[in-house]
N, C-alpha and C. Protein backbone atom coordinates (compact mmCIF):
# COMPACT_ATOMS: atom_id res chain seq x y z
N UNK A 1 -7.77 -20.27 53.65
CA UNK A 1 -8.40 -19.13 54.31
C UNK A 1 -9.80 -19.50 54.80
N UNK A 2 -10.59 -20.16 53.94
CA UNK A 2 -11.95 -20.54 54.32
C UNK A 2 -11.92 -21.56 55.45
N UNK A 3 -10.93 -22.47 55.44
CA UNK A 3 -10.81 -23.44 56.53
C UNK A 3 -10.49 -22.74 57.84
N UNK A 4 -9.66 -21.70 57.79
CA UNK A 4 -9.32 -20.98 59.02
C UNK A 4 -10.55 -20.25 59.56
N UNK A 5 -11.34 -19.64 58.66
CA UNK A 5 -12.56 -18.95 59.10
C UNK A 5 -13.54 -19.94 59.71
N UNK A 6 -13.68 -21.13 59.07
CA UNK A 6 -14.58 -22.14 59.61
C UNK A 6 -14.12 -22.62 60.98
N UNK A 7 -12.80 -22.72 61.17
CA UNK A 7 -12.29 -23.14 62.48
C UNK A 7 -12.56 -22.10 63.55
N UNK A 8 -12.50 -20.83 63.17
CA UNK A 8 -12.75 -19.76 64.15
C UNK A 8 -14.25 -19.61 64.45
N UNK A 9 -15.07 -19.75 63.41
CA UNK A 9 -16.52 -19.55 63.58
C UNK A 9 -17.20 -20.86 63.95
N UNK A 10 -16.88 -21.39 65.09
CA UNK A 10 -17.50 -22.62 65.56
C UNK A 10 -18.95 -22.34 65.96
N UNK A 11 -19.80 -23.37 65.99
CA UNK A 11 -21.19 -23.16 66.42
C UNK A 11 -21.31 -22.49 67.78
N UNK A 12 -20.45 -22.89 68.72
CA UNK A 12 -20.52 -22.29 70.06
C UNK A 12 -20.21 -20.80 70.00
N UNK A 13 -19.20 -20.42 69.23
CA UNK A 13 -18.85 -19.01 69.12
C UNK A 13 -19.94 -18.22 68.41
N UNK A 14 -20.54 -18.83 67.39
CA UNK A 14 -21.62 -18.14 66.70
C UNK A 14 -22.83 -17.97 67.61
N UNK A 15 -23.13 -18.98 68.42
CA UNK A 15 -24.22 -18.85 69.37
C UNK A 15 -23.95 -17.77 70.39
N UNK A 16 -22.71 -17.70 70.88
CA UNK A 16 -22.34 -16.66 71.85
C UNK A 16 -22.44 -15.27 71.21
N UNK A 17 -22.02 -15.17 69.95
CA UNK A 17 -22.12 -13.88 69.25
C UNK A 17 -23.57 -13.46 69.07
N UNK A 18 -24.44 -14.43 68.72
CA UNK A 18 -25.86 -14.12 68.57
C UNK A 18 -26.46 -13.65 69.89
N UNK A 19 -26.10 -14.33 70.99
CA UNK A 19 -26.63 -13.95 72.29
C UNK A 19 -26.13 -12.56 72.70
N UNK A 20 -24.83 -12.31 72.51
CA UNK A 20 -24.27 -11.01 72.89
C UNK A 20 -24.88 -9.88 72.07
N UNK A 21 -25.03 -10.11 70.77
CA UNK A 21 -25.61 -9.06 69.92
C UNK A 21 -27.07 -8.83 70.27
N UNK A 22 -27.81 -9.92 70.56
CA UNK A 22 -29.21 -9.77 70.94
C UNK A 22 -29.38 -8.99 72.22
N UNK A 23 -28.53 -9.29 73.22
CA UNK A 23 -28.59 -8.56 74.50
C UNK A 23 -28.25 -7.09 74.29
N UNK A 24 -27.23 -6.83 73.45
CA UNK A 24 -26.84 -5.44 73.19
C UNK A 24 -27.98 -4.67 72.51
N UNK A 25 -28.61 -5.29 71.52
CA UNK A 25 -29.68 -4.60 70.80
C UNK A 25 -30.92 -4.39 71.67
N UNK A 26 -31.15 -5.31 72.61
CA UNK A 26 -32.30 -5.17 73.50
C UNK A 26 -32.03 -4.22 74.67
N UNK A 27 -30.77 -3.84 74.88
CA UNK A 27 -30.42 -2.94 75.97
C UNK A 27 -31.17 -1.61 75.78
N UNK A 28 -31.88 -1.13 76.78
CA UNK A 28 -32.75 0.04 76.58
C UNK A 28 -32.03 1.26 75.98
N UNK A 29 -30.82 1.55 76.45
CA UNK A 29 -30.12 2.73 75.93
C UNK A 29 -29.76 2.55 74.45
N UNK A 30 -29.31 1.35 74.10
CA UNK A 30 -28.95 1.09 72.70
C UNK A 30 -30.19 1.11 71.82
N UNK A 31 -31.25 0.46 72.30
CA UNK A 31 -32.49 0.44 71.52
C UNK A 31 -33.04 1.85 71.32
N UNK A 32 -32.99 2.67 72.38
CA UNK A 32 -33.48 4.04 72.26
C UNK A 32 -32.66 4.83 71.25
N UNK A 33 -31.33 4.62 71.25
CA UNK A 33 -30.47 5.35 70.30
C UNK A 33 -30.76 4.91 68.87
N UNK A 34 -30.92 3.62 68.65
CA UNK A 34 -31.17 3.13 67.30
C UNK A 34 -32.53 3.58 66.78
N UNK A 35 -33.51 3.67 67.67
CA UNK A 35 -34.86 4.03 67.24
C UNK A 35 -35.13 5.52 67.33
N UNK A 36 -34.10 6.30 67.69
CA UNK A 36 -34.29 7.75 67.81
C UNK A 36 -34.47 8.41 66.44
N UNK A 37 -33.88 7.84 65.40
CA UNK A 37 -34.06 8.35 64.05
C UNK A 37 -34.58 7.24 63.15
N UNK A 38 -35.29 7.63 62.13
CA UNK A 38 -35.94 6.65 61.25
C UNK A 38 -34.92 5.83 60.48
N UNK A 39 -33.82 6.49 60.04
CA UNK A 39 -32.85 5.76 59.22
C UNK A 39 -32.06 4.76 60.07
N UNK A 40 -31.74 5.10 61.33
CA UNK A 40 -31.07 4.14 62.19
C UNK A 40 -32.00 2.98 62.54
N UNK A 41 -33.27 3.31 62.73
CA UNK A 41 -34.25 2.27 63.06
C UNK A 41 -34.29 1.20 61.97
N UNK A 42 -34.34 1.64 60.71
CA UNK A 42 -34.53 0.68 59.63
C UNK A 42 -33.21 0.17 59.04
N UNK A 43 -32.20 1.01 58.98
CA UNK A 43 -30.97 0.63 58.28
C UNK A 43 -29.85 0.16 59.20
N UNK A 44 -30.01 0.32 60.51
CA UNK A 44 -29.04 -0.22 61.45
C UNK A 44 -29.66 -1.32 62.32
N UNK A 45 -30.79 -0.99 62.95
CA UNK A 45 -31.38 -1.98 63.85
C UNK A 45 -31.86 -3.22 63.10
N UNK A 46 -32.54 -3.03 61.98
CA UNK A 46 -33.04 -4.18 61.23
C UNK A 46 -31.90 -5.13 60.81
N UNK A 47 -30.85 -4.63 60.12
CA UNK A 47 -29.77 -5.55 59.73
C UNK A 47 -29.04 -6.19 60.91
N UNK A 48 -28.91 -5.46 62.02
CA UNK A 48 -28.21 -6.03 63.17
C UNK A 48 -29.00 -7.18 63.79
N UNK A 49 -30.32 -7.04 63.88
CA UNK A 49 -31.13 -8.16 64.36
C UNK A 49 -31.05 -9.34 63.39
N UNK A 50 -31.01 -9.06 62.11
CA UNK A 50 -30.87 -10.15 61.13
C UNK A 50 -29.50 -10.80 61.23
N UNK A 51 -28.46 -10.01 61.51
CA UNK A 51 -27.13 -10.57 61.71
C UNK A 51 -27.12 -11.50 62.93
N UNK A 52 -27.80 -11.10 64.00
CA UNK A 52 -27.90 -11.97 65.17
C UNK A 52 -28.61 -13.27 64.80
N UNK A 53 -29.64 -13.18 63.97
CA UNK A 53 -30.33 -14.39 63.53
C UNK A 53 -29.45 -15.27 62.68
N UNK A 54 -28.62 -14.66 61.83
CA UNK A 54 -27.70 -15.45 61.01
C UNK A 54 -26.68 -16.18 61.86
N UNK A 55 -26.17 -15.50 62.89
CA UNK A 55 -25.25 -16.17 63.82
C UNK A 55 -25.95 -17.29 64.57
N UNK A 56 -27.20 -17.06 64.95
CA UNK A 56 -27.96 -18.09 65.65
C UNK A 56 -28.15 -19.31 64.76
N UNK A 57 -28.39 -19.10 63.48
CA UNK A 57 -28.55 -20.22 62.55
C UNK A 57 -27.28 -21.06 62.48
N UNK A 58 -26.12 -20.41 62.56
CA UNK A 58 -24.87 -21.15 62.53
C UNK A 58 -24.62 -21.97 63.77
N UNK A 59 -25.35 -21.66 64.86
CA UNK A 59 -25.18 -22.40 66.10
C UNK A 59 -26.15 -23.57 66.24
N UNK A 60 -27.08 -23.71 65.29
CA UNK A 60 -28.06 -24.78 65.38
C UNK A 60 -27.40 -26.14 65.15
N UNK A 61 -27.89 -27.19 65.79
CA UNK A 61 -27.34 -28.53 65.55
C UNK A 61 -27.56 -28.96 64.10
N UNK A 62 -26.64 -29.75 63.55
CA UNK A 62 -26.79 -30.19 62.15
C UNK A 62 -28.11 -30.91 61.89
N UNK A 63 -28.59 -31.70 62.84
CA UNK A 63 -29.85 -32.42 62.64
C UNK A 63 -31.01 -31.45 62.47
N UNK A 64 -31.02 -30.39 63.26
CA UNK A 64 -32.09 -29.40 63.14
C UNK A 64 -32.00 -28.65 61.82
N UNK A 65 -30.79 -28.33 61.40
CA UNK A 65 -30.63 -27.66 60.10
C UNK A 65 -31.08 -28.57 58.96
N UNK A 66 -30.79 -29.86 59.09
CA UNK A 66 -31.21 -30.81 58.05
C UNK A 66 -32.73 -30.91 57.97
N UNK A 67 -33.39 -30.91 59.13
CA UNK A 67 -34.86 -30.97 59.13
C UNK A 67 -35.45 -29.71 58.51
N UNK A 68 -34.85 -28.54 58.83
CA UNK A 68 -35.35 -27.29 58.25
C UNK A 68 -35.15 -27.26 56.74
N UNK A 69 -34.06 -27.88 56.26
CA UNK A 69 -33.79 -27.87 54.82
C UNK A 69 -34.80 -28.68 54.03
N UNK A 70 -35.51 -29.60 54.68
CA UNK A 70 -36.46 -30.43 53.95
C UNK A 70 -37.64 -29.61 53.42
N UNK A 71 -38.07 -28.61 54.18
CA UNK A 71 -39.18 -27.79 53.69
C UNK A 71 -38.69 -26.50 53.03
N UNK A 72 -37.38 -26.37 52.90
CA UNK A 72 -36.81 -25.16 52.32
C UNK A 72 -36.02 -25.50 51.07
N UNK A 73 -36.61 -26.29 50.20
CA UNK A 73 -35.92 -26.72 48.97
C UNK A 73 -35.53 -25.51 48.13
N UNK A 74 -34.27 -25.47 47.72
CA UNK A 74 -33.71 -24.38 46.91
C UNK A 74 -33.83 -23.03 47.62
N UNK A 75 -34.05 -23.04 48.93
CA UNK A 75 -34.13 -21.79 49.68
C UNK A 75 -35.36 -20.96 49.43
N UNK A 76 -36.35 -21.53 48.72
CA UNK A 76 -37.50 -20.72 48.30
C UNK A 76 -38.35 -20.30 49.49
N UNK A 77 -38.70 -21.25 50.35
CA UNK A 77 -39.57 -20.93 51.48
C UNK A 77 -38.92 -19.89 52.40
N UNK A 78 -37.64 -20.07 52.67
CA UNK A 78 -36.95 -19.12 53.55
C UNK A 78 -36.89 -17.73 52.97
N UNK A 79 -36.58 -17.62 51.68
CA UNK A 79 -36.47 -16.30 51.06
C UNK A 79 -37.83 -15.63 50.93
N UNK A 80 -38.88 -16.42 50.71
CA UNK A 80 -40.23 -15.84 50.69
C UNK A 80 -40.56 -15.27 52.07
N UNK A 81 -40.21 -16.01 53.13
CA UNK A 81 -40.44 -15.50 54.47
C UNK A 81 -39.68 -14.22 54.75
N UNK A 82 -38.43 -14.16 54.31
CA UNK A 82 -37.63 -12.94 54.49
C UNK A 82 -38.28 -11.77 53.77
N UNK A 83 -38.73 -12.00 52.54
CA UNK A 83 -39.37 -10.93 51.78
C UNK A 83 -40.64 -10.43 52.45
N UNK A 84 -41.43 -11.34 53.00
CA UNK A 84 -42.67 -10.94 53.68
C UNK A 84 -42.35 -10.12 54.93
N UNK A 85 -41.37 -10.56 55.71
CA UNK A 85 -40.99 -9.82 56.92
C UNK A 85 -40.54 -8.40 56.57
N UNK A 86 -39.67 -8.28 55.58
CA UNK A 86 -39.18 -6.95 55.21
C UNK A 86 -40.29 -6.06 54.66
N UNK A 87 -41.21 -6.66 53.88
CA UNK A 87 -42.31 -5.87 53.32
C UNK A 87 -43.21 -5.33 54.43
N UNK A 88 -43.52 -6.18 55.41
CA UNK A 88 -44.39 -5.74 56.51
C UNK A 88 -43.71 -4.66 57.35
N UNK A 89 -42.42 -4.84 57.64
CA UNK A 89 -41.73 -3.90 58.52
C UNK A 89 -41.39 -2.57 57.85
N UNK A 90 -41.55 -2.49 56.54
CA UNK A 90 -41.37 -1.21 55.87
C UNK A 90 -42.62 -0.34 55.92
N UNK A 91 -43.73 -0.90 56.39
CA UNK A 91 -44.97 -0.12 56.49
C UNK A 91 -44.82 0.91 57.62
N UNK A 92 -45.04 2.18 57.35
CA UNK A 92 -44.84 3.20 58.39
C UNK A 92 -45.65 2.95 59.66
N UNK A 93 -46.86 2.45 59.52
CA UNK A 93 -47.70 2.19 60.68
C UNK A 93 -47.06 1.16 61.61
N UNK A 94 -46.37 0.20 61.04
CA UNK A 94 -45.71 -0.82 61.86
C UNK A 94 -44.57 -0.20 62.67
N UNK A 95 -43.82 0.70 62.06
CA UNK A 95 -42.75 1.38 62.79
C UNK A 95 -43.31 2.19 63.96
N UNK A 96 -44.43 2.88 63.72
CA UNK A 96 -45.04 3.64 64.80
C UNK A 96 -45.50 2.72 65.94
N UNK A 97 -46.14 1.61 65.57
CA UNK A 97 -46.63 0.70 66.60
C UNK A 97 -45.48 0.07 67.38
N UNK A 98 -44.37 -0.21 66.69
CA UNK A 98 -43.23 -0.82 67.38
C UNK A 98 -42.66 0.12 68.44
N UNK A 99 -42.75 1.41 68.21
CA UNK A 99 -42.24 2.38 69.18
C UNK A 99 -43.17 2.55 70.38
N UNK A 100 -44.46 2.26 70.18
CA UNK A 100 -45.43 2.50 71.25
C UNK A 100 -45.87 1.24 71.97
N UNK A 101 -45.86 0.10 71.28
CA UNK A 101 -46.39 -1.13 71.85
C UNK A 101 -45.27 -2.14 72.06
N UNK A 102 -44.96 -2.51 73.30
CA UNK A 102 -43.88 -3.48 73.54
C UNK A 102 -44.12 -4.83 72.86
N UNK A 103 -45.38 -5.22 72.72
CA UNK A 103 -45.68 -6.50 72.06
C UNK A 103 -45.27 -6.45 70.59
N UNK A 104 -45.60 -5.35 69.92
CA UNK A 104 -45.22 -5.20 68.51
C UNK A 104 -43.71 -5.10 68.39
N UNK A 105 -43.06 -4.42 69.33
CA UNK A 105 -41.60 -4.32 69.31
C UNK A 105 -40.95 -5.69 69.42
N UNK A 106 -41.44 -6.51 70.36
CA UNK A 106 -40.90 -7.87 70.51
C UNK A 106 -41.16 -8.72 69.26
N UNK A 107 -42.36 -8.58 68.69
CA UNK A 107 -42.68 -9.33 67.47
C UNK A 107 -41.78 -8.91 66.32
N UNK A 108 -41.49 -7.60 66.23
CA UNK A 108 -40.60 -7.10 65.19
C UNK A 108 -39.21 -7.70 65.33
N UNK A 109 -38.67 -7.67 66.53
CA UNK A 109 -37.32 -8.19 66.76
C UNK A 109 -37.26 -9.69 66.51
N UNK A 110 -38.29 -10.43 66.94
CA UNK A 110 -38.31 -11.87 66.71
C UNK A 110 -38.41 -12.18 65.22
N UNK A 111 -39.22 -11.40 64.50
CA UNK A 111 -39.35 -11.62 63.06
C UNK A 111 -38.04 -11.36 62.33
N UNK A 112 -37.32 -10.31 62.73
CA UNK A 112 -36.02 -10.02 62.11
C UNK A 112 -35.00 -11.09 62.45
N UNK A 113 -35.05 -11.59 63.68
CA UNK A 113 -34.14 -12.66 64.08
C UNK A 113 -34.37 -13.91 63.22
N UNK A 114 -35.64 -14.27 63.04
CA UNK A 114 -35.96 -15.44 62.21
C UNK A 114 -35.63 -15.18 60.75
N UNK A 115 -35.83 -13.95 60.29
CA UNK A 115 -35.50 -13.62 58.90
C UNK A 115 -34.01 -13.76 58.64
N UNK A 116 -33.20 -13.32 59.59
CA UNK A 116 -31.76 -13.47 59.44
C UNK A 116 -31.34 -14.93 59.40
N UNK A 117 -31.94 -15.75 60.26
CA UNK A 117 -31.63 -17.19 60.25
C UNK A 117 -32.08 -17.82 58.94
N UNK A 118 -33.28 -17.44 58.47
CA UNK A 118 -33.79 -18.00 57.21
C UNK A 118 -32.94 -17.57 56.02
N UNK A 119 -32.47 -16.32 56.04
CA UNK A 119 -31.65 -15.83 54.93
C UNK A 119 -30.34 -16.60 54.85
N UNK A 120 -29.73 -16.86 56.01
CA UNK A 120 -28.48 -17.61 56.00
C UNK A 120 -28.69 -19.04 55.53
N UNK A 121 -29.79 -19.65 55.98
CA UNK A 121 -30.04 -21.02 55.60
C UNK A 121 -30.53 -21.21 54.19
N UNK A 122 -30.95 -20.10 53.55
CA UNK A 122 -31.57 -20.21 52.22
C UNK A 122 -30.68 -19.69 51.10
N UNK A 123 -29.80 -18.74 51.39
CA UNK A 123 -29.08 -18.05 50.33
C UNK A 123 -28.20 -19.00 49.52
N UNK A 124 -27.40 -19.81 50.19
CA UNK A 124 -26.51 -20.72 49.47
C UNK A 124 -27.28 -21.77 48.69
N UNK A 125 -28.39 -22.26 49.26
CA UNK A 125 -29.18 -23.29 48.59
C UNK A 125 -29.98 -22.74 47.42
N UNK A 126 -30.17 -21.43 47.38
CA UNK A 126 -31.05 -20.85 46.37
C UNK A 126 -30.45 -20.90 44.97
N UNK A 127 -29.15 -20.66 44.84
CA UNK A 127 -28.58 -20.57 43.51
C UNK A 127 -28.85 -19.21 42.89
N UNK A 128 -28.19 -18.95 41.77
CA UNK A 128 -28.26 -17.62 41.18
C UNK A 128 -29.66 -17.27 40.69
N UNK A 129 -30.41 -18.24 40.15
CA UNK A 129 -31.72 -17.93 39.60
C UNK A 129 -32.69 -17.50 40.70
N UNK A 130 -32.77 -18.29 41.76
CA UNK A 130 -33.67 -17.94 42.86
C UNK A 130 -33.20 -16.69 43.58
N UNK A 131 -31.88 -16.55 43.74
CA UNK A 131 -31.36 -15.32 44.34
C UNK A 131 -31.77 -14.10 43.51
N UNK A 132 -31.62 -14.20 42.20
CA UNK A 132 -32.01 -13.09 41.33
C UNK A 132 -33.49 -12.78 41.42
N UNK A 133 -34.33 -13.82 41.51
CA UNK A 133 -35.77 -13.60 41.63
C UNK A 133 -36.08 -12.90 42.95
N UNK A 134 -35.43 -13.35 44.02
CA UNK A 134 -35.65 -12.74 45.33
C UNK A 134 -35.23 -11.27 45.33
N UNK A 135 -34.02 -11.00 44.87
CA UNK A 135 -33.55 -9.61 44.84
C UNK A 135 -34.34 -8.77 43.85
N UNK A 136 -34.79 -9.40 42.77
CA UNK A 136 -35.58 -8.67 41.79
C UNK A 136 -36.93 -8.23 42.31
N UNK A 137 -37.37 -8.82 43.40
CA UNK A 137 -38.61 -8.39 44.05
C UNK A 137 -38.35 -7.48 45.24
N UNK A 138 -37.37 -7.83 46.07
CA UNK A 138 -37.14 -7.09 47.30
C UNK A 138 -36.48 -5.73 47.03
N UNK A 139 -35.47 -5.70 46.16
CA UNK A 139 -34.76 -4.44 45.94
C UNK A 139 -35.61 -3.38 45.25
N UNK A 140 -36.38 -3.71 44.19
CA UNK A 140 -37.28 -2.69 43.64
C UNK A 140 -38.32 -2.21 44.66
N UNK A 141 -38.83 -3.15 45.48
CA UNK A 141 -39.77 -2.75 46.53
C UNK A 141 -39.11 -1.76 47.48
N UNK A 142 -37.86 -2.03 47.85
CA UNK A 142 -37.14 -1.13 48.75
C UNK A 142 -36.94 0.24 48.11
N UNK A 143 -36.58 0.26 46.83
CA UNK A 143 -36.38 1.53 46.15
C UNK A 143 -37.68 2.32 46.02
N UNK A 144 -38.79 1.62 45.74
CA UNK A 144 -40.08 2.30 45.62
C UNK A 144 -40.50 2.89 46.96
N UNK A 145 -40.32 2.12 48.04
CA UNK A 145 -40.64 2.65 49.37
C UNK A 145 -39.76 3.86 49.68
N UNK A 146 -38.48 3.77 49.34
CA UNK A 146 -37.59 4.90 49.57
C UNK A 146 -38.01 6.13 48.79
N UNK A 147 -38.41 5.94 47.55
CA UNK A 147 -38.86 7.07 46.74
C UNK A 147 -40.14 7.68 47.31
N UNK A 148 -41.01 6.81 47.82
CA UNK A 148 -42.24 7.30 48.44
C UNK A 148 -41.92 8.12 49.67
N UNK A 149 -41.00 7.63 50.51
CA UNK A 149 -40.61 8.38 51.70
C UNK A 149 -40.01 9.73 51.32
N UNK A 150 -39.26 9.77 50.23
CA UNK A 150 -38.59 11.01 49.84
C UNK A 150 -39.54 12.03 49.22
N UNK A 151 -40.50 11.55 48.43
CA UNK A 151 -41.30 12.46 47.62
C UNK A 151 -42.60 12.91 48.27
N UNK A 152 -43.12 12.12 49.18
CA UNK A 152 -44.43 12.47 49.73
C UNK A 152 -44.34 13.74 50.59
N UNK A 153 -45.32 14.61 50.48
CA UNK A 153 -45.32 15.81 51.34
C UNK A 153 -45.89 15.55 52.73
N UNK A 154 -46.30 14.33 53.01
CA UNK A 154 -46.92 13.98 54.27
C UNK A 154 -45.94 13.25 55.18
N UNK A 155 -46.12 13.38 56.48
CA UNK A 155 -45.38 12.57 57.44
C UNK A 155 -46.05 11.20 57.53
N UNK A 156 -45.36 10.17 57.11
CA UNK A 156 -45.94 8.84 57.12
C UNK A 156 -45.80 8.17 58.47
N UNK A 157 -44.80 8.57 59.25
CA UNK A 157 -44.60 8.06 60.60
C UNK A 157 -44.79 9.21 61.59
N UNK A 158 -45.71 9.05 62.50
CA UNK A 158 -45.96 10.11 63.48
C UNK A 158 -44.78 10.30 64.43
N UNK A 159 -43.97 9.26 64.60
CA UNK A 159 -42.87 9.33 65.56
C UNK A 159 -41.64 10.04 65.01
N UNK A 160 -41.59 10.29 63.70
CA UNK A 160 -40.39 10.87 63.09
C UNK A 160 -40.76 12.09 62.26
N UNK A 161 -39.80 13.02 62.18
CA UNK A 161 -40.00 14.22 61.40
C UNK A 161 -39.89 13.92 59.91
N UNK A 162 -40.43 14.83 59.10
CA UNK A 162 -40.44 14.61 57.66
C UNK A 162 -39.03 14.64 57.08
N UNK A 163 -38.13 15.47 57.63
CA UNK A 163 -36.75 15.48 57.15
C UNK A 163 -36.08 14.13 57.37
N UNK A 164 -36.34 13.54 58.51
CA UNK A 164 -35.80 12.22 58.81
C UNK A 164 -36.37 11.18 57.85
N UNK A 165 -37.63 11.31 57.54
CA UNK A 165 -38.29 10.41 56.59
C UNK A 165 -37.66 10.53 55.20
N UNK A 166 -37.42 11.75 54.76
CA UNK A 166 -36.80 11.96 53.45
C UNK A 166 -35.37 11.43 53.42
N UNK A 167 -34.63 11.59 54.52
CA UNK A 167 -33.28 11.06 54.59
C UNK A 167 -33.28 9.53 54.49
N UNK A 168 -34.21 8.89 55.18
CA UNK A 168 -34.32 7.44 55.07
C UNK A 168 -34.65 7.03 53.64
N UNK A 169 -35.54 7.77 52.99
CA UNK A 169 -35.90 7.42 51.61
C UNK A 169 -34.70 7.44 50.68
N UNK A 170 -33.86 8.46 50.82
CA UNK A 170 -32.66 8.53 49.98
C UNK A 170 -31.72 7.37 50.27
N UNK A 171 -31.58 7.02 51.56
CA UNK A 171 -30.73 5.89 51.92
C UNK A 171 -31.28 4.58 51.36
N UNK A 172 -32.59 4.38 51.43
CA UNK A 172 -33.17 3.14 50.92
C UNK A 172 -32.92 2.97 49.43
N UNK A 173 -33.09 4.04 48.68
CA UNK A 173 -32.83 3.97 47.24
C UNK A 173 -31.36 3.65 46.98
N UNK A 174 -30.46 4.33 47.71
CA UNK A 174 -29.04 4.09 47.53
C UNK A 174 -28.63 2.68 47.92
N UNK A 175 -29.13 2.18 49.04
CA UNK A 175 -28.79 0.82 49.48
C UNK A 175 -29.30 -0.21 48.50
N UNK A 176 -30.52 -0.02 47.98
CA UNK A 176 -31.06 -0.96 47.00
C UNK A 176 -30.18 -1.00 45.75
N UNK A 177 -29.74 0.16 45.29
CA UNK A 177 -28.88 0.21 44.11
C UNK A 177 -27.53 -0.46 44.37
N UNK A 178 -26.94 -0.20 45.54
CA UNK A 178 -25.64 -0.78 45.86
C UNK A 178 -25.72 -2.30 45.98
N UNK A 179 -26.78 -2.80 46.60
CA UNK A 179 -26.93 -4.25 46.73
C UNK A 179 -27.12 -4.90 45.37
N UNK A 180 -27.88 -4.25 44.50
CA UNK A 180 -28.07 -4.79 43.15
C UNK A 180 -26.75 -4.84 42.40
N UNK A 181 -25.97 -3.77 42.48
CA UNK A 181 -24.68 -3.74 41.79
C UNK A 181 -23.71 -4.77 42.37
N UNK A 182 -23.74 -4.93 43.69
CA UNK A 182 -22.84 -5.91 44.32
C UNK A 182 -23.19 -7.32 43.88
N UNK A 183 -24.47 -7.64 43.82
CA UNK A 183 -24.86 -8.99 43.39
C UNK A 183 -24.52 -9.22 41.92
N UNK A 184 -24.78 -8.22 41.07
CA UNK A 184 -24.44 -8.36 39.65
C UNK A 184 -22.93 -8.52 39.46
N UNK A 185 -22.14 -7.79 40.24
CA UNK A 185 -20.68 -7.94 40.16
C UNK A 185 -20.25 -9.33 40.58
N UNK A 186 -20.89 -9.88 41.59
CA UNK A 186 -20.57 -11.24 42.02
C UNK A 186 -20.94 -12.26 40.95
N UNK A 187 -22.08 -12.07 40.31
CA UNK A 187 -22.48 -12.98 39.22
C UNK A 187 -21.49 -12.89 38.07
N UNK A 188 -21.09 -11.66 37.72
CA UNK A 188 -20.13 -11.50 36.63
C UNK A 188 -18.81 -12.16 36.98
N UNK A 189 -18.34 -12.00 38.21
CA UNK A 189 -17.09 -12.65 38.65
C UNK A 189 -17.22 -14.16 38.56
N UNK A 190 -18.36 -14.70 38.98
CA UNK A 190 -18.57 -16.15 38.94
C UNK A 190 -18.56 -16.67 37.50
N UNK A 191 -19.20 -15.92 36.59
CA UNK A 191 -19.23 -16.34 35.19
C UNK A 191 -17.84 -16.30 34.56
N UNK A 192 -17.09 -15.24 34.87
CA UNK A 192 -15.73 -15.14 34.34
C UNK A 192 -14.87 -16.28 34.88
N UNK A 193 -15.01 -16.57 36.16
CA UNK A 193 -14.22 -17.65 36.76
C UNK A 193 -14.61 -19.00 36.16
N UNK A 194 -15.91 -19.21 35.96
CA UNK A 194 -16.34 -20.47 35.37
C UNK A 194 -15.82 -20.61 33.94
N UNK A 195 -15.84 -19.51 33.20
CA UNK A 195 -15.33 -19.54 31.83
C UNK A 195 -13.83 -19.84 31.82
N UNK A 196 -13.10 -19.20 32.73
CA UNK A 196 -11.66 -19.44 32.78
C UNK A 196 -11.36 -20.87 33.19
N UNK A 197 -12.11 -21.39 34.14
CA UNK A 197 -11.91 -22.77 34.58
C UNK A 197 -12.26 -23.74 33.47
N UNK A 198 -13.32 -23.44 32.74
CA UNK A 198 -13.70 -24.31 31.63
C UNK A 198 -12.66 -24.33 30.54
N UNK A 199 -12.08 -23.17 30.24
CA UNK A 199 -11.02 -23.14 29.23
C UNK A 199 -9.79 -23.88 29.70
N UNK A 200 -9.50 -23.79 31.00
CA UNK A 200 -8.31 -24.48 31.51
C UNK A 200 -8.49 -25.98 31.47
N UNK A 201 -9.72 -26.44 31.67
CA UNK A 201 -9.98 -27.88 31.72
C UNK A 201 -10.32 -28.46 30.36
N UNK A 202 -10.58 -27.61 29.38
CA UNK A 202 -10.94 -28.11 28.05
C UNK A 202 -9.76 -28.80 27.40
N UNK A 203 -10.01 -29.92 26.74
CA UNK A 203 -8.91 -30.62 26.07
C UNK A 203 -8.37 -29.80 24.92
N UNK A 204 -7.05 -29.83 24.76
CA UNK A 204 -6.41 -29.10 23.69
C UNK A 204 -6.56 -29.83 22.36
N UNK A 205 -6.65 -29.08 21.30
CA UNK A 205 -6.80 -29.68 19.97
C UNK A 205 -5.49 -30.29 19.50
N UNK A 206 -5.54 -31.09 18.43
CA UNK A 206 -4.31 -31.73 17.93
C UNK A 206 -3.33 -30.70 17.39
């Protein structure tokens, strides 16, 4: 199954997918629809730009990926960059500026594109310990920001209504919890599989 997926997801196809998704997201009507509400802005547009970046990373030449891996030992540098990008883009002032200033909007999209590429290039190399450290910082930060959006009586973004802000806050808390549970379930599955494989390979007693 994995060989079939690898055969279908060739670098050329991944590059074409990244280009098509980037053009779609930059299309004025699509961008306006995604940024019309706060939750679509952060929970749809952000991941879609990161997905385009991940596809773009798959289209890079092997030599370029190898050079990038030299400064990204164990995926640490890439995951730190992803965390910084997400932390900055969760600031309400940045969302407001992105809606008003085309330069900030372009910088936001470019940062998300690079974050998606860095996440793809770093996640597998990170291992469970570094992955856990990364998620242990990013997911609580996401939940805290979501709780702040939900509980504050003030409008933190001038471009969005307070009801929209509260809805985004609830979504952020829920997404953070779901991602944490999904990663823990994956770790548990990996440990069970490793234990079963170890028992199968262990020599039998006399």
